[in-house]
Amino acid sequence: MTYLLQFCGFSDPLQLFYLEQSALGTAPSPAQIPGGPIPSQALAPGAAAGPAFGGFRPFQLDDLLAWALDTARQRQWDPVVIQRTVLDCWMERAEAIRQWQRRLREEPADRLLVAGLGSQHDWQRRCEAMLRA
């Protein structure tokens, strides 16, 4: 299977949480969260549909790779393929990644760079769902 790694832009942690929850199909409204958001690790593994999203600050290969491999384990994706996808993307998009890193340093301290990882089918379903909404 082929996986796609996309860099989506910048977000605050709460919006990233909602994005992660929407990928799981459990996006609560702010009123439904007494005391704040639940960590995404507390959700049932394997319940995910669509790409996985993660936030990074700083944006470094080690952190991106660790997140991707953890996601692969949770979603039962092939970790070797995921590792190759991340490393290939990092090498092929080196200049774009440097630009993302520079822009992240200019963002407020609470902002994260959001990345998404999923199969072509995951991304297709995500786009179709957005068009239906």
Protein backbone atom coordinates (compact mmCIF):
# COMPACT_ATOMS: atom_id res chain seq x y z
CA MET A 1 0.00 0.00 0.00
CA THR A 2 1.14 3.56 -0.71
CA TYR A 3 0.93 6.26 1.92
CA LEU A 4 0.95 10.02 1.45
CA LEU A 5 2.49 12.51 3.87
CA GLN A 6 1.13 16.04 3.55
CA PHE A 7 2.03 19.23 5.38
CA CYS A 8 -1.23 21.07 5.99
CA GLY A 9 -0.28 24.36 7.63
CA PHE A 10 -0.27 25.88 11.10
CA SER A 11 -2.79 25.43 13.89
CA ASP A 12 -3.27 25.91 17.58
CA PRO A 13 -3.43 22.74 19.70
CA LEU A 14 -7.22 22.86 20.21
CA GLN A 15 -7.94 23.03 16.48
CA LEU A 16 -5.49 20.17 15.93
CA PHE A 17 -7.40 18.16 18.53
CA TYR A 18 -10.67 18.75 16.64
CA LEU A 19 -8.97 17.75 13.39
CA GLU A 20 -7.69 14.53 14.97
CA GLN A 21 -11.15 13.79 16.35
CA SER A 22 -12.81 14.40 12.99
CA ALA A 23 -10.43 11.83 11.50
CA LEU A 24 -11.67 9.40 14.15
CA GLY A 25 -15.30 10.30 13.53
CA THR A 26 -15.71 11.44 17.14
CA ALA A 27 -15.36 15.21 16.86
CA PRO A 28 -17.09 16.68 19.92
CA SER A 29 -18.24 20.26 20.13
CA PRO A 30 -16.45 22.45 22.70
CA ALA A 31 -19.57 22.29 24.93
CA GLN A 32 -19.28 18.49 25.04
CA ILE A 33 -15.80 18.61 26.58
CA PRO A 34 -16.05 19.34 30.32
CA GLY A 35 -12.66 20.38 31.57
CA GLY A 36 -11.08 20.42 28.13
CA PRO A 37 -10.09 17.95 25.43
CA ILE A 38 -9.31 14.29 26.01
CA PRO A 39 -5.87 13.19 24.79
CA SER A 40 -6.15 11.38 21.47
CA GLN A 41 -4.27 8.41 22.99
CA ALA A 42 -7.32 7.73 25.18
CA LEU A 43 -9.43 6.84 22.16
CA ALA A 44 -9.91 3.31 20.97
CA PRO A 45 -7.13 2.19 18.60
CA GLY A 46 -8.24 1.01 15.21
CA ALA A 47 -11.27 3.35 15.27
CA ALA A 48 -9.58 5.74 12.87
CA ALA A 49 -10.85 6.44 9.40
CA GLY A 50 -9.04 8.84 7.13
CA PRO A 51 -5.60 10.32 7.47
CA ALA A 52 -3.90 10.71 10.83
CA PHE A 53 -2.90 14.23 11.86
CA GLY A 54 -0.12 15.39 14.15
CA GLY A 55 1.26 18.73 15.27
CA PHE A 56 4.94 19.57 15.54
CA ARG A 57 6.98 22.26 17.21
CA PRO A 58 9.84 22.18 16.49
CA PHE A 59 9.52 20.42 13.15
CA GLN A 60 12.28 17.81 13.01
CA LEU A 61 12.70 14.49 11.23
CA ASP A 62 13.09 12.50 14.47
CA ASP A 63 9.77 13.77 15.84
CA LEU A 64 7.95 13.28 12.54
CA LEU A 65 9.29 9.75 12.17
CA ALA A 66 8.44 8.80 15.77
CA TRP A 67 4.87 10.09 15.31
CA ALA A 68 4.49 8.28 11.98
CA LEU A 69 5.73 4.97 13.40
CA ASP A 70 3.49 5.30 16.44
CA THR A 71 0.56 6.00 14.11
CA ALA A 72 1.51 2.96 12.02
CA ARG A 73 1.50 0.78 15.12
CA GLN A 74 -1.90 2.10 16.28
CA ARG A 75 -3.49 1.70 12.85
CA GLN A 76 -1.74 -1.56 12.03
CA TRP A 77 0.04 -0.09 9.00
CA ASP A 78 3.32 -1.56 7.73
CA PRO A 79 5.99 0.33 9.71
CA VAL A 80 8.68 -0.30 7.07
CA VAL A 81 6.53 1.32 4.37
CA ILE A 82 5.67 4.23 6.69
CA GLN A 83 9.32 4.79 7.57
CA ARG A 84 10.28 4.77 3.88
CA THR A 85 7.43 7.18 3.08
CA VAL A 86 8.55 9.68 5.73
CA LEU A 87 12.23 9.48 4.82
CA ASP A 88 11.55 9.76 1.08
CA CYS A 89 9.25 12.73 1.63
CA TRP A 90 11.81 14.44 3.88
CA MET A 91 14.54 14.04 1.26
CA GLU A 92 12.40 14.91 -1.78
CA ARG A 93 10.88 18.01 -0.16
CA ALA A 94 13.98 19.27 1.65
CA GLU A 95 13.63 22.88 0.47
CA ALA A 96 9.89 23.01 1.22
CA ILE A 97 10.57 21.55 4.68
CA ARG A 98 13.18 24.24 5.38
CA GLN A 99 10.56 26.83 4.42
CA TRP A 100 8.00 25.25 6.77
CA GLN A 101 10.62 25.27 9.55
CA ARG A 102 11.41 28.97 8.95
CA ARG A 103 7.74 29.89 8.90
CA LEU A 104 7.11 27.92 12.09
CA ARG A 105 9.80 29.95 13.90
CA GLU A 106 7.89 33.11 12.89
CA GLU A 107 4.56 31.80 14.20
CA PRO A 108 3.39 32.45 17.79
CA ALA A 109 4.81 30.00 20.33
CA ASP A 110 1.51 28.09 20.70
CA ARG A 111 1.18 27.28 16.98
CA LEU A 112 2.07 23.86 15.55
CA LEU A 113 2.89 22.67 12.05
CA VAL A 114 0.24 20.10 11.12
CA ALA A 115 1.10 17.03 9.07
CA GLY A 116 -1.24 14.35 7.81
CA LEU A 117 -0.43 10.75 6.92
CA GLY A 118 -2.69 8.25 5.23
CA SER A 119 -3.30 6.02 2.27
CA GLN A 120 -4.60 7.42 -0.99
CA HIS A 121 -8.00 5.97 -0.05
CA ASP A 122 -7.86 7.76 3.35
CA TRP A 123 -7.18 11.10 1.66
CA GLN A 124 -9.86 10.50 -0.97
CA ARG A 125 -12.49 9.74 1.68
CA ARG A 126 -11.44 12.84 3.63
CA CYS A 127 -11.80 15.10 0.58
CA GLU A 128 -15.16 13.56 -0.38
CA ALA A 129 -16.46 14.05 3.17
CA MET A 130 -15.39 17.69 3.13
CA LEU A 131 -17.22 18.23 -0.17
CA ARG A 132 -20.39 16.67 1.23
CA ALA A 133 -20.32 18.85 4.35
